[in-house]
Protein backbone atom coordinates (compact mmCIF):
# COMPACT_ATOMS: atom_id res chain seq x y z
CA MET A 1 163.60 -111.89 185.16
CA ILE A 2 159.93 -111.51 184.32
CA THR A 3 157.45 -108.81 185.36
CA ILE A 4 154.00 -109.67 186.71
CA HIS A 5 151.24 -107.74 188.47
CA LEU A 6 149.88 -109.18 191.72
CA ASP A 7 146.63 -107.47 192.76
CA GLY A 8 147.75 -104.40 190.80
CA GLU A 9 151.28 -104.28 192.26
CA ARG A 10 154.21 -104.75 189.93
CA MET A 11 156.64 -107.52 190.88
CA ASP A 12 159.83 -108.82 189.32
CA GLU A 13 160.29 -112.59 189.60
CA SER A 14 162.79 -115.14 188.37
CA GLU A 15 161.91 -117.13 185.27
CA GLY A 16 160.37 -120.46 186.20
CA SER A 17 158.74 -119.10 189.37
CA THR A 18 155.34 -120.53 190.27
CA LEU A 19 152.19 -119.16 191.87
CA ARG A 20 153.24 -120.87 195.10
CA SER A 21 156.29 -118.60 195.39
CA ILE A 22 154.15 -115.45 195.53
CA LEU A 23 151.00 -116.79 197.29
CA SER A 24 152.44 -118.29 200.47
CA HIS A 25 149.64 -116.83 202.60
CA HIS A 26 146.74 -117.35 200.19
CA PRO A 27 143.76 -119.19 201.76
CA PRO A 28 143.90 -122.86 200.72
CA GLY A 29 141.31 -123.92 198.18
CA CYS A 30 140.56 -120.38 197.02
CA SER A 31 140.79 -119.64 193.30
CA VAL A 32 142.86 -116.82 191.83
CA GLY A 33 142.29 -115.02 188.54
CA ILE A 34 144.95 -115.39 185.85
CA ILE A 35 145.02 -112.83 183.06
CA ARG A 36 147.65 -113.54 180.42
CA GLN A 37 148.82 -111.12 177.79
CA SER A 38 146.47 -111.63 174.89
CA THR A 39 147.59 -112.05 171.32
CA GLN A 40 144.08 -111.42 170.09
CA GLU A 41 142.62 -108.08 169.13
CA GLN A 42 141.72 -105.99 172.14
CA ALA A 43 138.78 -103.61 172.20
CA LYS A 44 138.42 -100.64 174.53
CA THR A 45 135.12 -100.73 176.38
CA GLY A 46 134.78 -97.03 177.21
CA TYR A 47 135.56 -97.74 180.87
CA LEU A 48 138.59 -96.76 182.95
CA LYS A 49 139.78 -98.32 186.19
CA ILE A 50 141.29 -95.75 188.55
CA SER A 51 143.43 -97.17 191.37
CA THR A 52 143.87 -94.84 194.35
CA THR A 53 145.43 -95.15 197.78
CA ALA A 54 141.91 -95.51 199.23
CA GLY A 55 140.51 -98.07 196.77
CA GLU A 56 139.52 -98.59 193.15
CA VAL A 57 137.00 -96.56 191.16
CA SER A 58 135.65 -97.46 187.71
CA ILE A 59 134.29 -94.77 185.44
CA GLU A 60 132.38 -94.81 182.17
CA THR A 61 133.89 -92.13 179.95
CA ALA A 62 131.89 -89.68 177.86
CA GLY A 63 133.46 -90.04 174.42
CA ARG A 64 136.97 -88.88 173.59
CA SER A 65 136.96 -86.04 176.10
CA ALA A 66 138.61 -88.33 178.66
CA ASP A 67 141.40 -89.63 176.39
CA PHE A 68 143.94 -87.45 178.20
CA LEU A 69 143.55 -89.67 181.27
CA GLU A 70 145.34 -92.50 179.48
CA SER A 71 148.54 -90.47 179.18
CA PRO A 72 151.22 -92.09 181.42
CA GLU A 73 152.50 -88.68 182.55
CA ILE A 74 149.24 -87.43 184.04
CA VAL A 75 149.15 -89.98 186.89
CA GLU A 76 152.25 -88.41 188.42
CA THR A 77 150.31 -85.16 188.96
CA LEU A 78 147.15 -86.59 190.50
CA ASN A 79 147.55 -85.95 194.22
CA LEU A 80 144.47 -84.97 196.22
CA HIS A 81 144.57 -81.15 196.15
CA TRP A 82 141.31 -80.22 197.85
CA GLY A 83 138.03 -81.74 198.96
CA ASP A 84 134.79 -80.74 200.64
CA ARG A 85 131.34 -82.23 201.20
CA TYR A 86 130.48 -81.71 197.53
CA ALA A 87 133.56 -82.77 195.53
CA THR A 88 137.19 -83.89 195.59
CA ALA A 89 139.86 -82.63 193.17
CA PHE A 90 143.12 -84.26 192.05
CA GLY A 91 145.90 -82.31 190.34
CA PRO A 92 146.91 -79.80 189.18
CA PHE A 93 148.00 -80.55 185.60
CA PRO A 94 147.94 -78.56 182.34
CA SER A 95 145.06 -78.93 179.88
CA SER A 96 143.62 -77.16 176.85
CA LEU A 97 140.13 -76.49 178.24
CA HIS A 98 138.46 -73.09 177.86
CA PRO A 99 136.68 -72.18 181.13
CA LEU A 100 133.28 -70.51 180.76
CA ARG A 101 133.08 -68.88 184.23
CA LYS A 102 129.58 -70.19 184.82
CA PRO A 103 128.14 -72.61 187.43
CA HIS A 104 126.77 -75.97 186.34
CA LEU A 105 124.61 -78.60 188.03
CA TYR A 106 126.43 -81.85 188.81
CA GLU A 107 125.16 -85.22 189.98
CA ARG A 108 126.80 -87.65 192.40
CA GLY A 109 129.47 -89.63 190.57
CA ASP A 110 130.12 -87.09 187.82
CA VAL A 111 133.79 -86.87 186.83
CA ILE A 112 134.66 -83.30 185.82
CA LEU A 113 137.57 -81.59 184.09
CA GLY A 114 137.87 -78.14 185.64
CA CYS A 115 140.55 -75.66 186.60
CA GLY A 116 141.52 -73.33 189.43
CA GLY A 117 141.45 -69.58 188.95
CA TYR A 118 140.21 -70.14 185.37
CA GLU A 119 143.78 -71.10 184.45
CA PRO A 120 143.99 -74.21 182.21
CA ALA A 121 147.56 -74.72 183.39
CA ARG A 122 146.08 -75.55 186.82
CA SER A 123 143.46 -78.07 185.77
CA TYR A 124 141.93 -80.67 188.08
CA LEU A 125 140.19 -84.01 187.83
CA ILE A 126 137.12 -83.48 190.03
CA PHE A 127 134.79 -86.16 191.42
CA SER A 128 131.30 -85.02 192.46
CA LYS A 129 130.32 -86.59 195.80
CA THR A 130 126.77 -85.27 195.90
CA ARG A 131 124.29 -83.36 193.73
CA HIS A 132 125.36 -79.70 193.71
CA SER A 133 125.70 -76.59 191.60
CA ALA A 134 129.16 -74.98 191.32
CA ASP A 135 131.62 -73.21 189.05
CA HIS A 136 134.56 -75.61 188.82
CA GLY A 137 136.23 -73.72 185.99
CA ALA A 138 134.83 -76.07 183.36
CA ASP A 139 134.11 -75.39 179.70
CA GLU A 140 130.69 -74.62 178.24
CA SER A 141 129.63 -78.28 178.40
CA GLY A 142 130.08 -78.37 182.17
CA GLY A 143 133.22 -80.44 181.88
CA VAL A 144 131.66 -83.83 182.68
CA ILE A 145 133.99 -86.36 181.08
CA GLY A 146 132.65 -89.51 182.74
CA LYS A 147 130.55 -91.16 185.43
CA VAL A 148 131.59 -93.32 188.38
CA ILE A 149 129.91 -96.70 187.92
CA SER A 150 131.60 -98.69 190.68
CA GLY A 151 133.54 -97.84 193.81
CA ARG A 152 131.41 -94.84 194.83
CA ALA A 153 132.14 -95.56 198.48
CA VAL A 154 135.77 -94.68 197.77
CA LEU A 155 134.72 -91.08 197.06
CA GLU A 156 133.76 -90.69 200.72
CA ARG A 157 137.05 -92.15 201.98
CA TRP A 158 139.46 -89.82 200.17
CA SER A 159 141.35 -87.53 202.52
CA THR A 160 144.60 -85.56 202.77
CA GLY A 161 147.54 -87.55 201.44
CA ASP A 162 145.57 -89.75 199.05
CA ARG A 163 146.53 -89.92 195.40
CA ILE A 164 145.72 -91.68 192.14
CA ASN A 165 148.29 -94.39 191.47
CA LYS A 166 147.15 -95.79 188.16
CA ILE A 167 144.60 -95.23 185.38
CA GLU A 168 144.11 -98.01 182.88
CA PRO A 169 141.45 -98.85 180.30
CA VAL A 170 139.18 -101.82 180.88
CA ILE A 171 139.83 -104.16 177.99
CA SER A 172 137.45 -106.64 176.41
CA TRP A 173 139.32 -109.69 175.15
CA ALA A 174 137.99 -111.58 172.18
CA ASP A 175 140.06 -114.55 173.40
CA THR A 176 138.99 -115.35 176.95
CA SER A 177 140.69 -118.75 176.90
CA ARG A 178 143.87 -117.07 178.13
CA SER A 179 142.13 -115.65 181.20
CA TYR A 180 140.76 -118.04 183.81
CA THR A 181 140.65 -119.02 187.48
CA THR A 182 142.82 -121.69 189.05
CA THR A 183 143.84 -123.23 192.37
CA ASP A 184 146.96 -124.82 190.85
CA LEU A 185 149.87 -123.24 192.74
CA SER A 186 152.39 -125.04 190.52
CA LEU A 187 151.38 -122.83 187.58
CA ILE A 188 154.46 -121.25 185.97
CA LEU A 189 154.41 -117.45 185.94
CA GLU A 190 154.71 -115.68 182.57
CA ASP A 191 155.99 -112.24 181.70
CA GLY A 192 153.16 -109.70 181.72
CA MET A 193 150.78 -111.98 183.62
CA GLN A 194 148.22 -110.38 185.97
CA ILE A 195 147.14 -112.30 189.07
CA VAL A 196 144.07 -111.26 191.07
CA THR A 197 143.81 -113.10 194.40
CA ARG A 198 140.93 -111.54 196.29
CA VAL A 199 137.74 -109.51 196.21
CA ASN A 200 137.41 -106.51 198.55
CA VAL A 201 133.96 -105.13 199.36
CA ILE A 202 132.80 -101.99 201.16
CA ALA A 203 129.42 -102.36 202.87
CA GLN A 204 126.58 -100.04 201.88
CA GLY A 205 126.47 -97.10 204.28
CA TYR A 206 130.00 -97.53 205.61
CA THR A 207 132.94 -95.16 205.43
CA PRO A 208 135.47 -94.56 208.22
CA GLU A 209 134.25 -90.96 208.47
CA ARG A 210 130.48 -91.46 208.19
CA ILE A 211 128.03 -94.29 208.88
CA THR A 212 124.50 -94.51 207.50
CA THR A 213 122.04 -97.26 208.36
CA GLU A 214 119.63 -97.32 205.44
CA ALA A 215 120.58 -100.98 204.81
CA ALA A 216 121.80 -102.04 208.27
CA GLY A 217 119.74 -105.23 208.48
CA SER A 218 120.56 -106.63 205.05
CA VAL A 219 124.21 -105.55 205.40
CA GLU A 220 124.37 -107.59 208.62
CA HIS A 221 123.19 -110.62 206.67
CA MET A 222 126.00 -110.10 204.14
CA LEU A 223 128.60 -109.70 206.90
CA ARG A 224 127.40 -112.96 208.43
CA ALA A 225 127.38 -114.78 205.09
CA LEU A 226 130.94 -113.69 204.22
CA GLN A 227 132.60 -113.54 207.63
CA SER A 228 134.48 -116.76 206.83
CA GLY A 229 136.43 -114.82 204.18
CA ARG A 230 135.13 -117.06 201.39
CA PHE A 231 132.58 -116.59 198.60
CA THR A 232 131.37 -119.94 197.23
CA VAL A 233 130.19 -119.59 193.63
CA GLY A 234 127.08 -121.77 193.44
CA ARG A 235 125.90 -120.17 190.22
CA ALA A 236 127.61 -118.06 187.56
CA THR A 237 125.77 -116.26 184.75
CA SER A 238 126.70 -113.50 182.32
CA THR A 239 125.48 -110.85 184.79
CA PHE A 240 126.23 -112.19 188.29
CA ILE A 241 127.80 -114.79 190.55
CA LEU A 242 125.81 -116.17 193.49
CA ASP A 243 126.81 -117.56 196.88
CA PRO A 244 123.75 -119.59 197.94
CA ARG A 245 125.03 -120.93 201.28
CA LEU A 246 122.53 -118.87 203.31
CA ALA A 247 119.71 -119.21 200.78
CA GLY A 248 116.46 -119.90 202.58
CA THR A 249 117.07 -117.34 205.34
CA PRO A 250 113.67 -115.71 205.99
CA ASP A 251 112.60 -112.18 206.91
CA ILE A 252 115.27 -110.16 205.09
CA GLU A 253 113.90 -106.76 204.10
CA THR A 254 114.52 -104.97 200.81
CA GLU A 255 115.99 -101.90 202.48
CA PHE A 256 118.03 -100.24 199.74
CA ARG A 257 116.89 -100.56 196.13
CA ARG A 258 119.26 -99.17 193.50
CA PRO A 259 120.42 -100.12 189.99
CA ARG A 260 122.77 -103.09 190.19
CA ARG A 261 125.93 -101.84 188.54
CA GLU A 262 129.06 -103.82 187.83
CA GLY A 263 130.57 -104.72 191.19
CA THR A 264 127.35 -104.15 193.18
CA VAL A 265 126.70 -106.69 195.95
CA THR A 266 123.09 -107.54 196.82
CA VAL A 267 121.13 -109.94 199.00
CA ARG A 268 117.99 -111.52 197.62
CA THR A 269 115.03 -110.83 199.91
CA GLN A 270 112.28 -113.05 198.50
CA GLY A 271 111.89 -116.34 196.67
CA LYS A 272 113.61 -119.71 196.85
CA LEU A 273 117.06 -118.12 196.97
CA GLU A 274 116.15 -115.56 199.66
CA GLY A 275 119.32 -114.84 201.60
CA GLY A 276 121.67 -115.59 198.70
CA ILE A 277 124.53 -113.12 198.09
CA TYR A 278 124.98 -111.79 194.54
CA ILE A 279 127.90 -109.91 192.98
CA TYR A 280 127.19 -108.34 189.59
CA ARG A 281 129.42 -108.68 186.55
CA ASP A 282 127.36 -106.31 184.43
CA ASP A 283 124.81 -103.52 184.84
CA VAL A 284 121.16 -104.51 185.39
CA PRO A 285 118.17 -102.50 186.68
CA SER A 286 117.10 -102.43 190.33
CA SER A 287 114.83 -105.20 191.62
CA LEU A 288 111.97 -105.40 194.10
CA VAL A 289 113.57 -108.51 195.62
CA HIS A 290 117.19 -107.37 195.89
CA SER A 291 118.67 -105.09 198.54
CA VAL A 292 122.01 -103.43 197.72
CA VAL A 293 124.46 -104.23 200.53
CA GLY A 294 127.91 -103.37 199.19
CA GLN A 295 130.29 -102.53 196.38
CA VAL A 296 133.40 -104.28 195.09
CA VAL A 297 136.40 -101.95 195.37
CA HIS A 298 139.05 -104.45 194.29
CA GLY A 299 139.00 -107.69 192.35
CA ILE A 300 136.19 -107.20 189.84
CA GLU A 301 138.36 -109.14 187.34
CA LEU A 302 138.21 -112.19 189.61
CA VAL A 303 134.42 -111.80 189.86
CA LYS A 304 134.16 -111.76 186.06
CA LEU A 305 136.39 -114.81 185.59
CA ALA A 306 134.86 -116.94 188.38
CA LYS A 307 133.11 -120.15 187.42
CA GLU A 308 130.68 -122.34 189.30
CA GLN A 309 132.16 -124.17 192.31
CA ASP A 310 135.04 -121.68 192.59
CA ILE A 311 135.75 -120.40 196.09
CA LEU A 312 136.95 -116.78 196.16
CA ALA A 313 138.88 -115.10 198.96
CA ILE A 314 136.80 -112.08 199.99
CA SER A 315 137.00 -109.40 202.66
CA VAL A 316 134.32 -106.92 203.69
CA LEU A 317 134.62 -103.62 205.53
CA PRO A 318 133.58 -103.19 208.25
CA GLN A 319 134.17 -106.46 210.06
CA ARG A 320 131.08 -107.84 211.76
CA ILE A 321 130.55 -106.92 215.41
CA ASP A 322 128.83 -109.97 216.87
CA LEU A 323 129.69 -110.55 220.53
CA LEU A 324 127.27 -113.40 221.28
CA GLY A 325 129.00 -116.48 222.65
CA LEU A 326 132.16 -114.61 223.62
CA PRO A 327 133.55 -114.41 227.14
CA LEU A 328 132.82 -110.96 228.59
CA ILE A 329 136.53 -110.14 228.85
CA LYS A 330 137.09 -110.94 225.15
CA ALA A 331 134.04 -108.86 224.12
CA LYS A 332 135.41 -105.88 226.05
CA GLU A 333 138.77 -106.19 224.28
CA ILE A 334 137.16 -106.22 220.84
CA ILE A 335 134.99 -103.17 221.53
CA SER A 336 137.66 -101.11 223.30
CA ALA A 337 139.94 -101.51 220.27
CA GLN A 338 137.28 -99.71 218.19
CA GLU A 339 136.67 -96.86 220.63
CA ILE A 340 133.05 -97.84 221.22
CA MET A 341 131.30 -97.40 224.58
CA PHE A 342 130.71 -100.78 226.19
CA GLU A 343 127.95 -101.53 228.72
CA ALA A 344 127.40 -104.88 230.44
CA ASP A 345 124.48 -105.91 232.65
CA LYS A 346 126.85 -107.55 235.16
CA ASP A 347 130.57 -107.81 235.70
CA GLY A 348 132.89 -110.11 237.56
CA GLY A 349 133.31 -113.87 237.36
CA GLU A 350 133.26 -115.93 234.17
CA ARG A 351 130.37 -114.63 232.07
CA ILE A 352 129.33 -115.21 228.46
CA VAL A 353 127.58 -112.67 226.21
CA VAL A 354 124.12 -113.93 225.24
CA SER A 355 122.65 -110.81 223.60
CA GLN A 356 123.73 -107.38 222.40
CA GLU A 357 121.99 -104.10 221.59
CA PRO A 358 122.15 -102.73 218.91
CA GLY A 359 122.27 -106.06 217.13
CA ASN A 360 123.54 -104.77 213.76
CA THR A 361 127.13 -103.79 213.11
CA LEU A 362 126.35 -100.51 211.34
CA ASP A 363 124.04 -99.43 214.17
CA VAL A 364 126.79 -100.12 216.71
CA LEU A 365 129.34 -98.14 214.69
CA LYS A 366 126.95 -95.23 214.19
CA GLU A 367 125.88 -95.01 217.84
CA LYS A 368 129.42 -95.79 219.07
CA ARG A 369 127.96 -97.86 221.90
CA VAL A 370 126.88 -101.42 222.57
CA ALA A 371 125.10 -102.94 225.57
CA VAL A 372 125.34 -106.65 226.29
CA THR A 373 123.43 -109.13 228.41
CA THR A 374 125.50 -111.92 229.92
CA ALA A 375 125.00 -115.27 231.63
CA PRO A 376 127.33 -117.03 234.06
CA LEU A 377 129.46 -119.69 232.39
CA GLU A 378 127.74 -122.43 234.41
CA LYS A 379 124.46 -121.52 232.64
CA VAL A 380 125.94 -121.83 229.13
CA ILE A 381 125.94 -125.33 227.65
CA ASP A 382 128.30 -126.30 224.84
CA ILE A 383 127.10 -128.65 222.10
CA THR A 384 128.33 -130.12 218.82
CA LEU A 385 126.14 -130.70 215.76
CA ASP A 386 126.50 -133.50 213.20
CA ASP A 387 126.06 -131.81 209.81
CA GLU A 388 127.45 -134.82 207.99
CA LYS A 389 124.71 -137.22 209.12
CA ALA A 390 121.82 -134.78 209.71
CA PRO A 391 122.41 -131.62 207.65
CA VAL A 392 118.74 -130.61 207.27
CA SER A 393 117.81 -131.19 210.89
CA CYS A 394 120.92 -129.34 212.09
CA ASP A 395 120.01 -126.38 209.90
CA ILE A 396 116.49 -126.30 211.38
CA PHE A 397 117.93 -126.48 214.90
CA ARG A 398 120.28 -123.55 214.24
CA ARG A 399 117.43 -121.44 212.90
CA ILE A 400 115.11 -121.94 215.85
CA THR A 401 117.82 -121.42 218.47
CA GLY A 402 119.58 -118.43 216.90
CA LEU A 403 122.80 -120.32 216.16
CA LYS A 404 122.26 -119.64 212.46
CA GLU A 405 122.98 -115.95 213.08
CA HIS A 406 125.22 -116.03 216.13
CA ASP A 407 127.66 -118.15 218.14
CA ALA A 408 125.22 -118.36 221.06
CA GLY A 409 121.57 -119.42 221.10
CA MET A 410 118.76 -120.03 223.56
CA LEU A 411 116.20 -122.75 224.32
CA PRO A 412 113.46 -122.76 227.02
CA VAL A 413 113.30 -125.93 229.15
CA PHE A 414 109.86 -127.52 228.62
CA PHE A 415 109.95 -130.65 230.79
CA LYS A 416 112.48 -132.60 232.81
CA PHE A 417 112.20 -136.12 234.14
CA ASP A 418 114.63 -138.92 235.04
CA ASP A 419 117.61 -138.48 232.68
CA VAL A 420 115.69 -136.60 229.95
CA VAL A 421 115.51 -132.84 229.36
CA LEU A 422 112.98 -131.59 226.79
CA PHE A 423 113.05 -128.15 225.18
CA LYS A 424 110.21 -126.24 223.59
CA SER A 425 111.09 -125.28 220.03
CA PRO A 426 109.11 -122.65 218.05
CA ILE A 427 109.13 -124.37 214.65
CA PRO A 428 108.08 -121.87 211.92
CA PRO A 429 105.03 -122.81 209.83
CA GLY A 430 105.80 -124.84 206.72
CA ILE A 431 109.03 -126.36 208.06
CA LYS A 432 109.17 -130.11 207.40
CA ILE A 433 111.31 -132.37 209.58
CA ASN A 434 111.77 -135.52 207.55
CA PRO A 435 113.32 -138.62 209.16
CA GLU A 436 117.09 -138.26 209.25
CA ASN A 437 119.85 -140.07 211.17
CA PRO A 438 117.67 -142.14 213.53
CA PRO A 439 119.38 -144.19 216.26
CA LYS A 440 120.03 -147.81 215.31
CA ASP A 441 120.77 -150.14 218.18
CA GLU A 442 120.68 -147.51 220.93
CA ALA A 443 120.47 -143.76 221.50
CA PRO A 444 123.93 -142.76 222.83
CA ALA A 445 124.32 -140.96 226.15
CA ALA A 446 124.31 -137.13 225.91
CA SER A 447 122.87 -137.27 222.39
CA LEU A 448 120.82 -134.29 221.18
CA ALA A 449 117.80 -134.95 218.99
CA ILE A 450 114.69 -133.46 217.40
CA THR A 451 111.40 -135.31 216.84
CA ASN A 452 110.56 -135.69 213.15
CA ASP A 453 107.23 -135.37 211.35
CA SER A 454 106.32 -139.05 211.79
CA ARG A 455 105.22 -138.27 215.36
CA LYS A 456 102.67 -135.85 216.85
CA GLY A 457 105.36 -134.10 218.88
CA ALA A 458 107.30 -133.04 215.79
CA GLY A 459 109.80 -130.28 216.56
CA LEU A 460 110.38 -131.25 220.20
CA ILE A 461 114.08 -131.13 221.13
CA GLY A 462 115.55 -133.37 223.77
CA VAL A 463 118.68 -134.66 225.48
CA ARG A 464 119.04 -138.04 227.19
CA LEU A 465 121.92 -138.19 229.65
CA SER A 466 122.28 -141.97 229.53
CA ALA A 467 122.18 -144.46 226.68
CA ASN A 468 118.84 -146.12 225.86
CA LYS A 469 118.05 -149.02 223.53
CA GLU A 470 114.33 -148.32 223.22
CA PHE A 471 113.67 -144.56 223.10
CA GLY A 472 115.49 -141.56 221.73
CA PRO A 473 116.43 -138.30 223.52
CA THR A 474 112.91 -136.89 223.04
CA SER A 475 111.37 -140.10 224.48
CA GLU A 476 110.07 -141.08 221.04
CA PRO A 477 110.69 -144.42 219.30
CA PHE A 478 113.81 -144.52 217.16
CA GLU A 479 111.86 -144.03 213.89
CA GLY A 480 110.54 -140.68 215.18
CA THR A 481 113.95 -139.44 216.32
CA ASN A 482 116.55 -137.43 214.38
CA ILE A 483 119.92 -137.41 216.16
CA ILE A 484 121.53 -134.02 215.44
CA GLY A 485 124.51 -133.88 217.80
CA ARG A 486 125.56 -134.23 221.41
CA VAL A 487 125.83 -132.17 224.58
CA ILE A 488 129.33 -131.61 225.98
CA ASP A 489 128.35 -130.03 229.32
CA THR A 490 126.10 -132.77 230.70
CA GLU A 491 126.84 -131.84 234.33
CA LYS A 492 125.46 -128.34 233.72
CA LEU A 493 122.36 -129.83 232.11
CA LYS A 494 121.58 -131.80 235.28
CA LYS A 495 121.11 -128.51 237.16
CA VAL A 496 118.60 -126.83 234.81
CA LYS A 497 114.99 -126.34 235.87
CA GLU A 498 111.68 -126.39 234.02
CA LYS A 499 110.65 -123.08 232.39
CA GLU A 500 114.26 -121.89 232.62
CA ASN A 501 116.03 -120.53 229.55
CA VAL A 502 119.16 -122.45 228.63
CA TYR A 503 121.92 -120.76 226.63
CA ILE A 504 123.88 -122.87 224.19
CA ARG A 505 127.11 -122.51 222.23
CA GLU A 506 128.07 -124.60 219.23
CA MET A 507 131.61 -125.97 219.35
CA LYS A 508 133.02 -126.67 215.89
CA GLN A 509 134.27 -130.20 215.43
């Protein structure tokens, strides 16, 4: 038998076992981090990783005063003993401190060695949750033995019954060739191997007990970017990894500026990569063009090992609340499961949600209510988009209709004649629609298209219900037409009227 650690949990496996035997439910194509026992010299970094029943916390220790935390026996004593709005204490355990009987000023994230009743035999490991002054039974120095540098959201989640399961030093390996990422499930497991399969993130402002909305808009962007459960590493540097899939998304505000510590998640709010999601491997200062949106609470090792083109399994709390495009019955089920008040403009019949208020997940959770506007199913038209042949044009279409952010969008009918329906599209300034995927011999029936920049009517969107060998869906010559997809519900489209808003849903192919 060999012993491995899978996401921090010890497992005993038979010799010759492979990754496949322990990762039967791992998302296909996602990389895992492999950390082998190193034969090279290891150097302590001055950081400790503390695993608790509510998540992981990393602390930077203040010299040798925290060495006692590496004793294997102490973990057995670290149950949550008390907590209030200011601090949380784990213990008790014996120590050799000499309490001064004097209050000290503590900052959020301070880790303190104190005692109860000024008795060193009843010492506690205390985490400061907010700036406060108190007498925690510490010595003359104030008892600060470290500082929380990642996982601060965990401090707010601790409650009765929680405990510290493990404390281990963060090691810097001189030989990194034995630690890497892989998707090879035939890899043979080795004794002492550590496998990290996922990254868990807590959104800025979210705890089960308390919601704040200082970053609600930029957090919503992160939830949308990562709701697939995958983080695609488009760039990896010594300080961060970047998922650029939503780069180019405009109008994201820098809502919450803070130093970007190890494990901090941000969204870039200006520049060419505006909308990109960053996870930090190392500490860097705050930035005018980065909004902090979350914190890694598990899997920082996988973040540090990731290389460009890796796809990482990732989960974010809370899950996004986006009801657009859902049947009204399904939307009610989702909201009722979260004990949130649900209001709909109309009820009865088959209706689809086309808007919701508040629009951001954190606002919904804080207010504990959501109001939706619906449309009858016969007014909602399903389409498919051809990203393979017209990726740029499809991206523009999603942006102007709202399908980039949600599963339902809207277009106003501009003009209707014969078998052609034209839609008015508010193309943002500076957007170029280059020729892409023009029809060849004929424009197919039910095809959806956008006029490109070679014609005066650039940006016009149209559907032609029957095939045509001369003009495209926007009634332009083929060279001025970009085919972007097709309409599924053509019978519904026949019934629309000019100046009427049409709701659309994208069906994935």
